[in-house]
Amino acid sequence: MVESQITEREKEIFSQPTALIIIDMQNDAMSIVPSGKEIIPTIKRLLDTARTNEIPVIHKNRIQRSNGIDVERFRVKLFEDTPFLVDGSYGAEIVKDLEPAEKEIVVTGSRFSGFFQTDLQLILTRLGVKTLIMCGIQTPNCIRATVTDAIAFDYEVVLLNDAISAQTLEIHNANLLDMKNMGVTIVSTSNYLNSLN
């Protein structure tokens, strides 16, 4: 695949104080979105580069109480039948190869947005971050909700289109188009990483 050229606007966005946010790359989530397994190597490459370049890394995890009291109403029956992302369980752990390094930040929440009732905004403010590089799963839910809130907080948002995934490619592409029209910068992982050289 031939990579497109980075635009001047993208260069400006990438050059600002940046954080990498890895969303919900947890064991149970790989069952909910099986294509999530396919993006692990791409995110690993991104994570390794962020560490080398001393870009702050934030792992945003979805965690539910074992009784499901904090699950969205529309998912209560699903959770009762098959509990998922339960606090302290193997399913809630970050997948192998993407485990946080010692000083990396883990933000946990019980809803789609990484900002909703978490300390993510406080952390990003303290870090002086202006641009958020986002990857993980899944495109229409936790990715999109976090993106929408990030825009509301005036962050530049960059989505790496080959490092996020959804249950179907059609859903993935439709949501990417919507978010692009909301002002999100969408590039490939390779294009972003090449801009760091």
N, C-alpha and C. Protein backbone atom coordinates (compact mmCIF):
# COMPACT_ATOMS: atom_id res chain seq x y z
N MET A 1 0.84 -1.19 0.00
CA MET A 1 0.00 0.00 0.00
C MET A 1 0.88 1.25 0.00
N VAL A 2 0.61 2.16 -0.90
CA VAL A 2 1.38 3.40 -1.00
C VAL A 2 0.87 4.39 0.05
N GLU A 3 1.78 4.89 0.86
CA GLU A 3 1.40 5.83 1.91
C GLU A 3 1.23 7.23 1.32
N SER A 4 0.24 7.96 1.79
CA SER A 4 0.05 9.33 1.36
C SER A 4 1.05 10.23 2.07
N GLN A 5 1.24 11.41 1.51
CA GLN A 5 2.15 12.38 2.11
C GLN A 5 1.49 13.03 3.33
N ILE A 6 2.30 13.29 4.35
CA ILE A 6 1.80 14.01 5.52
C ILE A 6 1.60 15.47 5.14
N THR A 7 0.45 16.01 5.45
CA THR A 7 0.15 17.41 5.14
C THR A 7 0.82 18.34 6.16
N GLU A 8 0.88 19.61 5.81
CA GLU A 8 1.44 20.59 6.74
C GLU A 8 0.61 20.67 8.01
N ARG A 9 -0.70 20.57 7.87
CA ARG A 9 -1.59 20.59 9.04
C ARG A 9 -1.31 19.39 9.94
N GLU A 10 -1.14 18.21 9.35
CA GLU A 10 -0.83 17.02 10.13
C GLU A 10 0.51 17.14 10.83
N LYS A 11 1.51 17.70 10.15
CA LYS A 11 2.82 17.93 10.77
C LYS A 11 2.68 18.81 12.01
N GLU A 12 1.86 19.84 11.88
CA GLU A 12 1.64 20.75 13.01
C GLU A 12 1.00 20.01 14.19
N ILE A 13 -0.01 19.20 13.89
CA ILE A 13 -0.70 18.45 14.94
C ILE A 13 0.25 17.46 15.61
N PHE A 14 1.03 16.75 14.80
CA PHE A 14 1.94 15.73 15.34
C PHE A 14 3.07 16.34 16.17
N SER A 15 3.42 17.61 15.89
CA SER A 15 4.56 18.23 16.58
C SER A 15 4.19 18.78 17.96
N GLN A 16 2.91 18.84 18.27
CA GLN A 16 2.47 19.36 19.57
C GLN A 16 2.72 18.32 20.67
N PRO A 17 2.72 18.74 21.94
CA PRO A 17 2.83 17.78 23.04
C PRO A 17 1.73 16.72 22.91
N THR A 18 2.14 15.47 22.90
CA THR A 18 1.27 14.36 22.49
C THR A 18 1.22 13.27 23.55
N ALA A 19 0.09 12.57 23.59
CA ALA A 19 -0.02 11.35 24.38
C ALA A 19 -0.64 10.26 23.51
N LEU A 20 -0.19 9.04 23.72
CA LEU A 20 -0.78 7.87 23.06
C LEU A 20 -1.80 7.27 24.02
N ILE A 21 -3.02 7.10 23.55
CA ILE A 21 -4.07 6.48 24.36
C ILE A 21 -4.47 5.15 23.71
N ILE A 22 -4.25 4.07 24.45
CA ILE A 22 -4.60 2.73 23.97
C ILE A 22 -5.89 2.32 24.68
N ILE A 23 -6.94 2.11 23.90
CA ILE A 23 -8.28 1.95 24.45
C ILE A 23 -8.73 0.48 24.46
N ASP A 24 -8.98 -0.03 25.65
CA ASP A 24 -9.69 -1.30 25.88
C ASP A 24 -9.08 -2.53 25.21
N MET A 25 -7.77 -2.57 25.11
CA MET A 25 -7.13 -3.76 24.55
C MET A 25 -6.98 -4.81 25.66
N GLN A 26 -8.13 -5.37 26.03
CA GLN A 26 -8.25 -6.31 27.15
C GLN A 26 -8.73 -7.66 26.65
N ASN A 27 -8.46 -8.70 27.43
CA ASN A 27 -8.73 -10.06 26.98
C ASN A 27 -10.19 -10.29 26.60
N ASP A 28 -11.13 -9.88 27.43
CA ASP A 28 -12.54 -10.08 27.09
C ASP A 28 -12.94 -9.30 25.85
N ALA A 29 -12.34 -8.14 25.66
CA ALA A 29 -12.68 -7.33 24.49
C ALA A 29 -12.30 -8.02 23.19
N MET A 30 -11.31 -8.91 23.24
CA MET A 30 -10.91 -9.65 22.05
C MET A 30 -11.99 -10.66 21.64
N SER A 31 -12.81 -11.08 22.60
CA SER A 31 -13.93 -11.96 22.28
C SER A 31 -15.10 -11.17 21.72
N ILE A 32 -15.30 -9.98 22.24
CA ILE A 32 -16.39 -9.11 21.77
C ILE A 32 -16.09 -8.60 20.37
N VAL A 33 -14.82 -8.25 20.12
CA VAL A 33 -14.37 -7.75 18.81
C VAL A 33 -13.19 -8.61 18.37
N PRO A 34 -13.45 -9.78 17.75
CA PRO A 34 -12.36 -10.69 17.40
C PRO A 34 -11.27 -10.07 16.52
N SER A 35 -11.64 -9.10 15.68
CA SER A 35 -10.64 -8.46 14.82
C SER A 35 -9.64 -7.64 15.63
N GLY A 36 -9.94 -7.43 16.91
CA GLY A 36 -9.00 -6.73 17.78
C GLY A 36 -7.66 -7.44 17.88
N LYS A 37 -7.68 -8.76 17.77
CA LYS A 37 -6.42 -9.53 17.84
C LYS A 37 -5.49 -9.17 16.69
N GLU A 38 -6.09 -8.82 15.55
CA GLU A 38 -5.29 -8.52 14.36
C GLU A 38 -4.50 -7.21 14.48
N ILE A 39 -4.97 -6.31 15.34
CA ILE A 39 -4.28 -5.01 15.45
C ILE A 39 -3.25 -4.98 16.58
N ILE A 40 -3.13 -6.08 17.33
CA ILE A 40 -2.15 -6.10 18.43
C ILE A 40 -0.73 -5.82 17.94
N PRO A 41 -0.24 -6.47 16.86
CA PRO A 41 1.13 -6.17 16.41
C PRO A 41 1.33 -4.71 16.01
N THR A 42 0.32 -4.12 15.38
CA THR A 42 0.43 -2.71 14.98
C THR A 42 0.50 -1.81 16.20
N ILE A 43 -0.35 -2.09 17.19
CA ILE A 43 -0.32 -1.28 18.41
C ILE A 43 0.99 -1.50 19.17
N LYS A 44 1.51 -2.71 19.15
CA LYS A 44 2.79 -3.00 19.81
C LYS A 44 3.91 -2.17 19.19
N ARG A 45 3.90 -2.08 17.87
CA ARG A 45 4.90 -1.27 17.17
C ARG A 45 4.77 0.20 17.57
N LEU A 46 3.55 0.65 17.64
CA LEU A 46 3.27 2.03 18.05
C LEU A 46 3.70 2.27 19.49
N LEU A 47 3.38 1.33 20.35
CA LEU A 47 3.73 1.44 21.77
C LEU A 47 5.25 1.47 21.95
N ASP A 48 5.95 0.60 21.26
CA ASP A 48 7.42 0.58 21.36
C ASP A 48 8.02 1.90 20.91
N THR A 49 7.48 2.46 19.83
CA THR A 49 7.99 3.74 19.32
C THR A 49 7.70 4.87 20.30
N ALA A 50 6.50 4.86 20.89
CA ALA A 50 6.16 5.89 21.88
C ALA A 50 7.12 5.83 23.06
N ARG A 51 7.42 4.63 23.51
CA ARG A 51 8.36 4.48 24.63
C ARG A 51 9.74 4.99 24.26
N THR A 52 10.20 4.65 23.07
CA THR A 52 11.52 5.10 22.62
C THR A 52 11.59 6.61 22.52
N ASN A 53 10.49 7.23 22.07
CA ASN A 53 10.45 8.68 21.88
C ASN A 53 9.94 9.44 23.10
N GLU A 54 9.76 8.71 24.22
CA GLU A 54 9.29 9.30 25.48
C GLU A 54 7.97 10.05 25.33
N ILE A 55 7.08 9.49 24.50
CA ILE A 55 5.71 10.00 24.38
C ILE A 55 4.89 9.37 25.50
N PRO A 56 4.20 10.15 26.30
CA PRO A 56 3.39 9.55 27.38
C PRO A 56 2.37 8.55 26.83
N VAL A 57 2.24 7.43 27.53
CA VAL A 57 1.31 6.37 27.14
C VAL A 57 0.26 6.22 28.23
N ILE A 58 -1.01 6.22 27.82
CA ILE A 58 -2.10 6.01 28.75
C ILE A 58 -2.93 4.83 28.26
N HIS A 59 -3.08 3.84 29.12
CA HIS A 59 -3.91 2.68 28.82
C HIS A 59 -5.28 2.94 29.43
N LYS A 60 -6.30 3.05 28.59
CA LYS A 60 -7.66 3.25 29.09
C LYS A 60 -8.38 1.90 29.08
N ASN A 61 -8.77 1.45 30.26
CA ASN A 61 -9.42 0.13 30.40
C ASN A 61 -10.87 0.27 30.82
N ARG A 62 -11.66 -0.64 30.32
CA ARG A 62 -13.07 -0.75 30.72
C ARG A 62 -13.15 -1.80 31.83
N ILE A 63 -13.67 -1.43 32.98
CA ILE A 63 -13.77 -2.34 34.13
C ILE A 63 -15.20 -2.29 34.67
N GLN A 64 -15.76 -3.47 34.93
CA GLN A 64 -17.11 -3.55 35.49
C GLN A 64 -17.08 -4.23 36.86
N ARG A 65 -17.95 -3.81 37.75
CA ARG A 65 -18.12 -4.50 39.03
C ARG A 65 -18.73 -5.88 38.77
N SER A 66 -18.43 -6.81 39.65
CA SER A 66 -18.86 -8.20 39.43
C SER A 66 -20.38 -8.36 39.44
N ASN A 67 -21.09 -7.45 40.11
CA ASN A 67 -22.55 -7.56 40.13
C ASN A 67 -23.22 -6.82 38.96
N GLY A 68 -22.41 -6.16 38.13
CA GLY A 68 -22.93 -5.50 36.93
C GLY A 68 -23.69 -4.22 37.18
N ILE A 69 -23.60 -3.68 38.38
CA ILE A 69 -24.36 -2.48 38.72
C ILE A 69 -23.96 -1.27 37.88
N ASP A 70 -22.74 -1.29 37.33
CA ASP A 70 -22.25 -0.15 36.55
C ASP A 70 -22.25 -0.40 35.04
N VAL A 71 -22.91 -1.46 34.60
CA VAL A 71 -23.04 -1.75 33.17
C VAL A 71 -24.18 -0.91 32.60
N GLU A 72 -24.04 -0.43 31.35
CA GLU A 72 -25.13 0.30 30.71
C GLU A 72 -26.42 -0.54 30.73
N ARG A 73 -27.54 0.15 30.83
CA ARG A 73 -28.83 -0.55 30.95
C ARG A 73 -29.07 -1.52 29.79
N PHE A 74 -28.68 -1.11 28.59
CA PHE A 74 -28.96 -1.98 27.45
C PHE A 74 -28.11 -3.25 27.44
N ARG A 75 -27.08 -3.30 28.32
CA ARG A 75 -26.21 -4.47 28.37
C ARG A 75 -26.41 -5.32 29.62
N VAL A 76 -27.37 -4.97 30.45
CA VAL A 76 -27.56 -5.69 31.72
C VAL A 76 -27.81 -7.18 31.49
N LYS A 77 -28.73 -7.51 30.59
CA LYS A 77 -29.05 -8.92 30.33
C LYS A 77 -27.83 -9.65 29.77
N LEU A 78 -27.12 -9.02 28.86
CA LEU A 78 -25.90 -9.61 28.30
C LEU A 78 -24.90 -9.91 29.40
N PHE A 79 -24.72 -8.95 30.30
CA PHE A 79 -23.76 -9.12 31.39
C PHE A 79 -24.20 -10.23 32.34
N GLU A 80 -25.51 -10.32 32.62
CA GLU A 80 -26.01 -11.39 33.49
C GLU A 80 -25.74 -12.76 32.88
N ASP A 81 -25.89 -12.86 31.56
CA ASP A 81 -25.66 -14.14 30.88
C ASP A 81 -24.18 -14.47 30.76
N THR A 82 -23.38 -13.46 30.43
CA THR A 82 -21.94 -13.65 30.23
C THR A 82 -21.20 -12.43 30.77
N PRO A 83 -20.83 -12.42 32.05
CA PRO A 83 -20.10 -11.27 32.60
C PRO A 83 -18.82 -11.00 31.81
N PHE A 84 -18.51 -9.72 31.64
CA PHE A 84 -17.33 -9.34 30.87
C PHE A 84 -16.59 -8.21 31.56
N LEU A 85 -15.27 -8.18 31.38
CA LEU A 85 -14.40 -7.11 31.88
C LEU A 85 -14.59 -6.87 33.38
N VAL A 86 -14.76 -7.97 34.10
CA VAL A 86 -15.01 -7.89 35.54
C VAL A 86 -13.72 -7.57 36.28
N ASP A 87 -13.79 -6.59 37.16
CA ASP A 87 -12.65 -6.15 37.95
C ASP A 87 -11.93 -7.34 38.58
N GLY A 88 -10.60 -7.42 38.36
CA GLY A 88 -9.79 -8.47 38.95
C GLY A 88 -9.75 -9.76 38.17
N SER A 89 -10.50 -9.88 37.09
CA SER A 89 -10.54 -11.11 36.31
C SER A 89 -9.49 -11.10 35.20
N TYR A 90 -9.19 -12.29 34.69
CA TYR A 90 -8.29 -12.41 33.53
C TYR A 90 -8.85 -11.62 32.36
N GLY A 91 -10.15 -11.67 32.16
CA GLY A 91 -10.78 -10.99 31.04
C GLY A 91 -10.58 -9.49 31.04
N ALA A 92 -10.40 -8.91 32.22
CA ALA A 92 -10.21 -7.46 32.32
C ALA A 92 -8.75 -7.05 32.14
N GLU A 93 -7.84 -8.02 32.13
CA GLU A 93 -6.42 -7.70 31.98
C GLU A 93 -6.09 -7.27 30.56
N ILE A 94 -5.08 -6.42 30.44
CA ILE A 94 -4.60 -5.99 29.12
C ILE A 94 -3.93 -7.18 28.43
N VAL A 95 -4.13 -7.27 27.11
CA VAL A 95 -3.63 -8.42 26.36
C VAL A 95 -2.11 -8.51 26.41
N LYS A 96 -1.64 -9.73 26.25
CA LYS A 96 -0.20 -9.98 26.20
C LYS A 96 0.43 -9.13 25.11
N ASP A 97 1.60 -8.63 25.34
CA ASP A 97 2.41 -7.79 24.45
C ASP A 97 2.09 -6.30 24.58
N LEU A 98 0.95 -5.95 25.19
CA LEU A 98 0.62 -4.53 25.35
C LEU A 98 0.54 -4.12 26.81
N GLU A 99 1.05 -4.97 27.70
CA GLU A 99 0.99 -4.67 29.13
C GLU A 99 1.71 -3.35 29.44
N PRO A 100 1.15 -2.56 30.36
CA PRO A 100 1.79 -1.28 30.70
C PRO A 100 3.18 -1.45 31.29
N ALA A 101 4.07 -0.55 30.90
CA ALA A 101 5.38 -0.47 31.55
C ALA A 101 5.18 0.17 32.92
N GLU A 102 6.21 0.11 33.74
CA GLU A 102 6.11 0.50 35.15
C GLU A 102 5.53 1.90 35.35
N LYS A 103 5.97 2.87 34.58
CA LYS A 103 5.54 4.26 34.81
C LYS A 103 4.38 4.70 33.93
N GLU A 104 3.85 3.80 33.13
CA GLU A 104 2.73 4.17 32.26
C GLU A 104 1.43 4.24 33.06
N ILE A 105 0.56 5.12 32.62
CA ILE A 105 -0.67 5.40 33.36
C ILE A 105 -1.80 4.50 32.87
N VAL A 106 -2.56 3.96 33.80
CA VAL A 106 -3.76 3.19 33.48
C VAL A 106 -4.97 3.94 34.03
N VAL A 107 -5.91 4.25 33.15
CA VAL A 107 -7.15 4.92 33.52
C VAL A 107 -8.28 3.91 33.37
N THR A 108 -9.09 3.75 34.39
CA THR A 108 -10.20 2.80 34.30
C THR A 108 -11.53 3.52 34.41
N GLY A 109 -12.49 3.02 33.65
CA GLY A 109 -13.83 3.57 33.69
C GLY A 109 -14.83 2.47 33.36
N SER A 110 -16.10 2.76 33.59
CA SER A 110 -17.12 1.74 33.37
C SER A 110 -18.03 2.04 32.18
N ARG A 111 -17.75 3.14 31.49
CA ARG A 111 -18.59 3.51 30.35
C ARG A 111 -17.74 3.73 29.10
N PHE A 112 -18.41 4.06 27.98
CA PHE A 112 -17.70 4.15 26.70
C PHE A 112 -16.56 5.16 26.71
N SER A 113 -16.83 6.38 27.16
CA SER A 113 -15.81 7.42 27.07
C SER A 113 -14.74 7.27 28.13
N GLY A 114 -13.49 7.42 27.71
CA GLY A 114 -12.37 7.40 28.64
C GLY A 114 -12.35 8.61 29.56
N PHE A 115 -13.15 9.64 29.23
CA PHE A 115 -13.22 10.84 30.05
C PHE A 115 -14.33 10.77 31.10
N PHE A 116 -15.33 9.93 30.89
CA PHE A 116 -16.52 9.94 31.74
C PHE A 116 -16.20 9.39 33.13
N GLN A 117 -16.28 10.28 34.13
CA GLN A 117 -16.05 9.94 35.54
C GLN A 117 -14.70 9.23 35.76
N THR A 118 -13.68 9.70 35.03
CA THR A 118 -12.30 9.24 35.25
C THR A 118 -11.42 10.46 35.47
N ASP A 119 -10.14 10.22 35.73
CA ASP A 119 -9.20 11.34 35.90
C ASP A 119 -8.37 11.59 34.64
N LEU A 120 -8.85 11.13 33.49
CA LEU A 120 -8.08 11.29 32.25
C LEU A 120 -7.80 12.75 31.93
N GLN A 121 -8.82 13.60 32.02
CA GLN A 121 -8.63 15.02 31.70
C GLN A 121 -7.61 15.66 32.65
N LEU A 122 -7.68 15.33 33.92
CA LEU A 122 -6.72 15.86 34.90
C LEU A 122 -5.29 15.46 34.53
N ILE A 123 -5.12 14.21 34.16
CA ILE A 123 -3.79 13.69 33.80
C ILE A 123 -3.26 14.40 32.56
N LEU A 124 -4.10 14.53 31.54
CA LEU A 124 -3.66 15.17 30.29
C LEU A 124 -3.31 16.64 30.51
N THR A 125 -4.07 17.30 31.37
CA THR A 125 -3.78 18.71 31.70
C THR A 125 -2.41 18.81 32.38
N ARG A 126 -2.15 17.93 33.34
CA ARG A 126 -0.87 17.96 34.05
C ARG A 126 0.29 17.66 33.11
N LEU A 127 0.05 16.80 32.13
CA LEU A 127 1.11 16.46 31.16
C LEU A 127 1.30 17.55 30.11
N GLY A 128 0.36 18.49 30.02
CA GLY A 128 0.46 19.56 29.02
C GLY A 128 0.19 19.09 27.61
N VAL A 129 -0.61 18.05 27.48
CA VAL A 129 -0.86 17.42 26.18
C VAL A 129 -1.83 18.27 25.35
N LYS A 130 -1.57 18.35 24.04
CA LYS A 130 -2.45 19.05 23.10
C LYS A 130 -3.03 18.10 22.05
N THR A 131 -2.29 17.04 21.73
CA THR A 131 -2.71 16.09 20.70
C THR A 131 -2.82 14.70 21.29
N LEU A 132 -3.93 14.02 20.98
CA LEU A 132 -4.15 12.65 21.43
C LEU A 132 -4.08 11.71 20.23
N ILE A 133 -3.19 10.74 20.31
CA ILE A 133 -3.10 9.68 19.31
C ILE A 133 -3.86 8.49 19.89
N MET A 134 -4.92 8.05 19.21
CA MET A 134 -5.76 7.00 19.77
C MET A 134 -5.74 5.73 18.93
N CYS A 135 -5.75 4.61 19.65
CA CYS A 135 -5.86 3.32 19.00
C CYS A 135 -6.59 2.37 19.94
N GLY A 136 -7.00 1.21 19.43
CA GLY A 136 -7.68 0.23 20.26
C GLY A 136 -9.03 -0.15 19.70
N ILE A 137 -9.97 -0.53 20.60
CA ILE A 137 -11.29 -0.97 20.16
C ILE A 137 -12.37 -0.42 21.09
N GLN A 138 -13.62 -0.42 20.64
CA GLN A 138 -13.97 -0.58 19.25
C GLN A 138 -14.45 0.73 18.68
N THR A 139 -14.35 0.87 17.35
CA THR A 139 -14.51 2.16 16.67
C THR A 139 -15.80 2.90 17.03
N PRO A 140 -17.01 2.25 17.00
CA PRO A 140 -18.23 3.02 17.22
C PRO A 140 -18.56 3.30 18.68
N ASN A 141 -17.89 2.63 19.60
CA ASN A 141 -18.28 2.74 21.01
C ASN A 141 -17.23 3.52 21.80
N CYS A 142 -16.28 2.82 22.40
CA CYS A 142 -15.32 3.50 23.28
C CYS A 142 -14.39 4.45 22.53
N ILE A 143 -14.01 4.08 21.30
CA ILE A 143 -13.19 5.00 20.51
C ILE A 143 -13.98 6.28 20.24
N ARG A 144 -15.15 6.13 19.66
CA ARG A 144 -15.93 7.31 19.26
C ARG A 144 -16.33 8.17 20.44
N ALA A 145 -16.76 7.55 21.54
CA ALA A 145 -17.17 8.33 22.71
C ALA A 145 -15.99 9.11 23.29
N THR A 146 -14.82 8.49 23.34
CA THR A 146 -13.63 9.17 23.85
C THR A 146 -13.21 10.29 22.92
N VAL A 147 -13.29 10.04 21.62
CA VAL A 147 -12.98 11.06 20.62
C VAL A 147 -13.89 12.27 20.77
N THR A 148 -15.19 12.02 20.91
CA THR A 148 -16.16 13.11 21.02
C THR A 148 -15.88 13.98 22.24
N ASP A 149 -15.59 13.35 23.36
CA ASP A 149 -15.27 14.13 24.56
C ASP A 149 -13.94 14.86 24.41
N ALA A 150 -12.97 14.23 23.76
CA ALA A 150 -11.68 14.88 23.54
C ALA A 150 -11.84 16.15 22.71
N ILE A 151 -12.68 16.08 21.70
CA ILE A 151 -12.96 17.26 20.88
C ILE A 151 -13.60 18.36 21.73
N ALA A 152 -14.50 17.95 22.61
CA ALA A 152 -15.16 18.93 23.50
C ALA A 152 -14.17 19.62 24.42
N PHE A 153 -13.09 18.92 24.77
CA PHE A 153 -12.04 19.50 25.61
C PHE A 153 -10.96 20.21 24.79
N ASP A 154 -11.19 20.36 23.49
CA ASP A 154 -10.29 21.09 22.59
C ASP A 154 -8.96 20.41 22.32
N TYR A 155 -8.91 19.09 22.40
CA TYR A 155 -7.71 18.37 21.97
C TYR A 155 -7.74 18.16 20.47
N GLU A 156 -6.56 18.13 19.86
CA GLU A 156 -6.44 17.60 18.51
C GLU A 156 -6.47 16.08 18.64
N VAL A 157 -7.27 15.42 17.82
CA VAL A 157 -7.41 13.97 17.90
C VAL A 157 -6.92 13.33 16.61
N VAL A 158 -6.05 12.34 16.77
CA VAL A 158 -5.54 11.57 15.64
C VAL A 158 -5.94 10.12 15.83
N LEU A 159 -6.64 9.57 14.85
CA LEU A 159 -6.98 8.15 14.85
C LEU A 159 -6.10 7.43 13.84
N LEU A 160 -5.53 6.32 14.28
CA LEU A 160 -4.70 5.50 13.39
C LEU A 160 -5.60 4.40 12.84
N ASN A 161 -5.98 4.53 11.57
CA ASN A 161 -7.06 3.72 11.03
C ASN A 161 -6.77 2.22 10.95
N ASP A 162 -5.50 1.84 11.02
CA ASP A 162 -5.16 0.42 11.00
C ASP A 162 -4.79 -0.09 12.40
N ALA A 163 -5.01 0.74 13.42
CA ALA A 163 -4.73 0.34 14.80
C ALA A 163 -5.98 0.46 15.66
N ILE A 164 -7.13 0.57 15.00
CA ILE A 164 -8.42 0.50 15.68
C ILE A 164 -9.30 -0.49 14.92
N SER A 165 -10.30 -1.01 15.61
CA SER A 165 -11.10 -2.06 14.99
C SER A 165 -12.52 -2.04 15.52
N ALA A 166 -13.43 -2.65 14.74
CA ALA A 166 -14.83 -2.79 15.13
C ALA A 166 -15.30 -4.20 14.77
N GLN A 167 -16.54 -4.50 15.10
CA GLN A 167 -17.06 -5.84 14.83
C GLN A 167 -17.17 -6.13 13.35
N THR A 168 -17.40 -5.08 12.54
CA THR A 168 -17.41 -5.25 11.09
C THR A 168 -16.66 -4.10 10.44
N LEU A 169 -16.13 -4.35 9.25
CA LEU A 169 -15.41 -3.31 8.51
C LEU A 169 -16.36 -2.19 8.10
N GLU A 170 -17.60 -2.54 7.78
CA GLU A 170 -18.59 -1.53 7.39
C GLU A 170 -18.83 -0.54 8.53
N ILE A 171 -19.03 -1.04 9.74
CA ILE A 171 -19.22 -0.18 10.91
C ILE A 171 -17.98 0.68 11.14
N HIS A 172 -16.82 0.06 11.05
CA HIS A 172 -15.54 0.75 11.24
C HIS A 172 -15.41 1.94 10.28
N ASN A 173 -15.61 1.67 8.99
CA ASN A 173 -15.42 2.71 7.97
C ASN A 173 -16.46 3.82 8.09
N ALA A 174 -17.72 3.46 8.40
CA ALA A 174 -18.76 4.48 8.55
C ALA A 174 -18.44 5.43 9.70
N ASN A 175 -17.96 4.88 10.80
CA ASN A 175 -17.62 5.71 11.95
C ASN A 175 -16.38 6.56 11.69
N LEU A 176 -15.40 6.01 10.98
CA LEU A 176 -14.22 6.81 10.62
C LEU A 176 -14.63 8.02 9.79
N LEU A 177 -15.53 7.81 8.82
CA LEU A 177 -15.98 8.92 7.98
C LEU A 177 -16.68 9.98 8.82
N ASP A 178 -17.55 9.54 9.73
CA ASP A 178 -18.23 10.50 10.60
C ASP A 178 -17.22 11.29 11.43
N MET A 179 -16.24 10.60 12.01
CA MET A 179 -15.28 11.29 12.88
C MET A 179 -14.36 12.21 12.08
N LYS A 180 -14.03 11.82 10.86
CA LYS A 180 -13.26 12.72 10.00
C LYS A 180 -14.03 14.02 9.78
N ASN A 181 -15.34 13.88 9.56
CA ASN A 181 -16.18 15.07 9.35
C ASN A 181 -16.37 15.89 10.62
N MET A 182 -16.04 15.29 11.77
CA MET A 182 -16.08 16.02 13.05
C MET A 182 -14.76 16.75 13.32
N GLY A 183 -13.78 16.58 12.43
CA GLY A 183 -12.51 17.28 12.60
C GLY A 183 -11.36 16.42 13.07
N VAL A 184 -11.57 15.10 13.11
CA VAL A 184 -10.52 14.19 13.56
C VAL A 184 -9.54 13.94 12.41
N THR A 185 -8.26 13.89 12.73
CA THR A 185 -7.23 13.54 11.75
C THR A 185 -7.10 12.02 11.71
N ILE A 186 -7.22 11.46 10.52
CA ILE A 186 -7.16 10.00 10.37
C ILE A 186 -6.03 9.65 9.42
N VAL A 187 -5.06 8.89 9.93
CA VAL A 187 -3.90 8.48 9.14
C VAL A 187 -3.56 7.03 9.48
N SER A 188 -2.68 6.45 8.70
CA SER A 188 -2.18 5.11 9.02
C SER A 188 -1.10 5.19 10.09
N THR A 189 -0.87 4.08 10.75
CA THR A 189 0.19 4.02 11.75
C THR A 189 1.54 4.34 11.13
N SER A 190 1.79 3.79 9.97
CA SER A 190 3.09 4.05 9.29
C SER A 190 3.28 5.53 9.01
N ASN A 191 2.24 6.19 8.52
CA ASN A 191 2.35 7.62 8.25
C ASN A 191 2.68 8.40 9.52
N TYR A 192 1.99 8.05 10.60
CA TYR A 192 2.27 8.74 11.86
C TYR A 192 3.70 8.46 12.33
N LEU A 193 4.11 7.20 12.33
CA LEU A 193 5.45 6.87 12.81
C LEU A 193 6.52 7.50 11.93
N ASN A 194 6.29 7.55 10.64
CA ASN A 194 7.27 8.20 9.73
C ASN A 194 7.42 9.67 10.04
N SER A 195 6.37 10.29 10.54
CA SER A 195 6.43 11.71 10.85
C SER A 195 7.31 11.99 12.06
N LEU A 196 7.60 10.96 12.86
CA LEU A 196 8.42 11.14 14.06
C LEU A 196 9.91 11.14 13.73
N ASN A 197 10.26 10.71 12.51
CA ASN A 197 11.69 10.63 12.14
C ASN A 197 12.23 11.99 11.70
